[in-house]
């Protein structure tokens, strides 16, 4: 019985030299496929995310709204080589390492720009209402 198990584990020798190289290649193909799957599903997306995060941290500037890894929201007051000073409250400033920043939001738009956007939206709504009445007149 031991010789039977041993022959199953080692493979049956058939005497031809080409079969050994064929089995070696067929053994390597699944490993190569597994490596490719890991590369495209794990390694490549992680590298893209890391590069994107580095670009985000390099583009930090005064006035950017940020969120730290710990969940603290604030506005960048000044940027140093390895750290950032964040204004959290009117009188509270904190210094964080750049790597502690998880996301950056655009700085808030001035009030005049916000009012212009609201006016544009209301004009679009009025245009839509006007178009819908014209369409209903055409259908009659």
Protein backbone atom coordinates (compact mmCIF):
# COMPACT_ATOMS: atom_id res chain seq x y z
CA UNK A 1 0.00 0.00 0.00
CA UNK A 2 2.86 2.36 0.77
CA UNK A 3 4.34 1.79 -2.68
CA UNK A 4 0.96 2.57 -4.25
CA UNK A 5 0.69 5.89 -2.36
CA UNK A 6 4.28 6.71 -3.18
CA UNK A 7 3.71 6.05 -6.88
CA UNK A 8 0.60 8.29 -6.84
CA UNK A 9 2.49 11.12 -5.18
CA UNK A 10 5.53 10.88 -7.44
CA UNK A 11 3.65 10.17 -10.62
CA UNK A 12 3.98 7.11 -12.75
CA UNK A 13 7.13 7.09 -14.87
CA UNK A 14 6.37 6.41 -18.52
CA UNK A 15 9.84 6.36 -19.86
CA UNK A 16 9.45 9.32 -22.22
CA UNK A 17 11.55 12.43 -21.51
CA UNK A 18 9.03 14.91 -23.04
CA UNK A 19 6.33 14.14 -20.49
CA UNK A 20 8.44 15.44 -17.62
CA UNK A 21 8.91 18.86 -19.24
CA UNK A 22 5.22 19.01 -20.17
CA UNK A 23 4.17 18.34 -16.59
CA UNK A 24 6.62 21.01 -15.38
CA UNK A 25 5.05 23.63 -17.66
CA UNK A 26 1.53 22.57 -16.70
CA UNK A 27 2.57 22.97 -13.07
CA UNK A 28 3.87 26.51 -13.63
CA UNK A 29 0.79 27.76 -15.52
CA UNK A 30 -1.55 27.80 -12.48
CA UNK A 31 1.09 29.62 -10.40
CA UNK A 32 1.55 32.22 -13.14
CA UNK A 33 -2.22 32.71 -13.34
CA UNK A 34 -2.45 33.17 -9.58
CA UNK A 35 0.35 35.76 -9.68
CA UNK A 36 -1.42 37.64 -12.51
CA UNK A 37 -4.72 37.59 -10.63
CA UNK A 38 -3.05 38.94 -7.48
CA UNK A 39 -1.32 41.65 -9.52
CA UNK A 40 -4.48 42.92 -11.23
CA UNK A 41 -6.82 42.55 -8.25
CA UNK A 42 -4.58 43.59 -5.34
CA UNK A 43 -1.17 45.05 -6.18
CA UNK A 44 -2.03 47.34 -9.11
CA UNK A 45 -5.08 49.04 -7.49
CA UNK A 46 -3.10 49.54 -4.28
CA UNK A 47 -0.25 51.22 -6.19
CA UNK A 48 -2.74 53.49 -8.00
CA UNK A 49 -4.34 54.49 -4.71
CA UNK A 50 -0.95 55.17 -3.13
CA UNK A 51 0.12 57.40 -6.05
CA UNK A 52 -3.22 59.27 -5.94
CA UNK A 53 -2.83 59.86 -2.19
CA UNK A 54 0.71 61.13 -2.68
CA UNK A 55 -0.46 63.56 -5.40
CA UNK A 56 -3.23 64.77 -3.08
CA UNK A 57 -0.75 65.39 -0.25
CA UNK A 58 1.71 67.14 -2.57
CA UNK A 59 -1.05 69.46 -3.81
CA UNK A 60 -2.04 70.63 -0.31
CA UNK A 61 -2.26 74.40 -0.03
CA UNK A 62 -3.49 77.02 2.37
CA UNK A 63 -7.28 77.19 2.55
CA UNK A 64 -7.99 73.55 1.64
CA UNK A 65 -10.60 71.84 3.79
CA UNK A 66 -9.24 68.52 5.06
CA UNK A 67 -10.28 65.51 7.09
CA UNK A 68 -7.66 63.64 9.10
CA UNK A 69 -7.49 59.91 9.62
CA UNK A 70 -8.83 60.48 13.13
CA UNK A 71 -11.87 62.30 11.74
CA UNK A 72 -10.89 65.87 12.61
CA UNK A 73 -12.20 68.43 10.11
CA UNK A 74 -10.34 71.67 9.55
CA UNK A 75 -8.83 74.20 7.15
CA UNK A 76 -5.14 74.23 6.23
CA UNK A 77 -3.51 77.28 7.80
CA UNK A 78 0.05 76.64 6.59
CA UNK A 79 2.01 73.87 4.91
CA UNK A 80 5.48 72.75 6.01
CA UNK A 81 7.76 70.04 4.62
CA UNK A 82 6.48 67.09 6.62
CA UNK A 83 3.56 68.61 8.47
CA UNK A 84 0.50 70.79 8.09
CA UNK A 85 -0.98 73.30 10.52
CA UNK A 86 -4.76 72.97 10.55
CA UNK A 87 -7.19 75.54 11.89
CA UNK A 88 -9.92 73.57 13.62
CA UNK A 89 -11.75 76.40 15.41
CA UNK A 90 -11.48 80.18 15.56
CA UNK A 91 -8.65 79.99 18.09
CA UNK A 92 -7.51 76.37 17.78
CA UNK A 93 -4.67 75.34 15.51
CA UNK A 94 -3.22 71.84 15.38
CA UNK A 95 -0.16 70.46 13.65
CA UNK A 96 -0.51 67.15 11.81
CA UNK A 97 1.84 65.00 9.83
CA UNK A 98 1.00 65.02 6.13
CA UNK A 99 0.40 61.27 6.27
CA UNK A 100 -2.40 61.82 8.81
CA UNK A 101 -4.60 63.53 6.19
CA UNK A 102 -7.16 61.20 4.66
CA UNK A 103 -9.02 63.51 2.26
CA UNK A 104 -8.93 67.02 0.87
CA UNK A 105 -12.01 69.01 -0.12
CA UNK A 106 -11.98 72.18 -2.20
CA UNK A 107 -12.04 75.41 -0.18
CA UNK A 108 -15.47 76.92 0.35
CA UNK A 109 -16.56 79.29 -2.40
CA UNK A 110 -17.11 82.95 -1.50
CA UNK A 111 -20.70 83.99 -0.80
CA UNK A 112 -20.96 86.01 -4.02
CA UNK A 113 -20.18 82.91 -6.09
CA UNK A 114 -22.74 80.88 -4.13
CA UNK A 115 -25.42 83.50 -4.77
CA UNK A 116 -24.56 83.50 -8.50
CA UNK A 117 -24.93 79.72 -8.58
CA UNK A 118 -28.31 79.95 -6.82
CA UNK A 119 -29.47 82.55 -9.34
CA UNK A 120 -28.34 80.34 -12.24
CA UNK A 121 -30.23 77.38 -10.77
CA UNK A 122 -33.42 79.41 -10.35
CA UNK A 123 -33.15 80.64 -13.96
CA UNK A 124 -32.76 77.05 -15.16
CA UNK A 125 -35.84 76.03 -13.20
CA UNK A 126 -37.82 78.91 -14.71
CA UNK A 127 -36.60 77.92 -18.19
CA UNK A 128 -37.73 74.38 -17.62
CA UNK A 129 -41.15 75.58 -16.50
CA UNK A 130 -41.40 77.82 -19.56
CA UNK A 131 -40.39 75.00 -21.87
CA UNK A 132 -42.94 72.64 -20.38
CA UNK A 133 -45.79 75.11 -20.97
CA UNK A 134 -44.69 75.66 -24.57
CA UNK A 135 -44.54 71.92 -25.13
CA UNK A 136 -48.07 71.50 -23.79
CA UNK A 137 -49.31 74.25 -26.13
CA UNK A 138 -47.71 72.53 -29.11
CA UNK A 139 -49.35 69.22 -28.26
CA UNK A 140 -52.85 70.78 -28.40
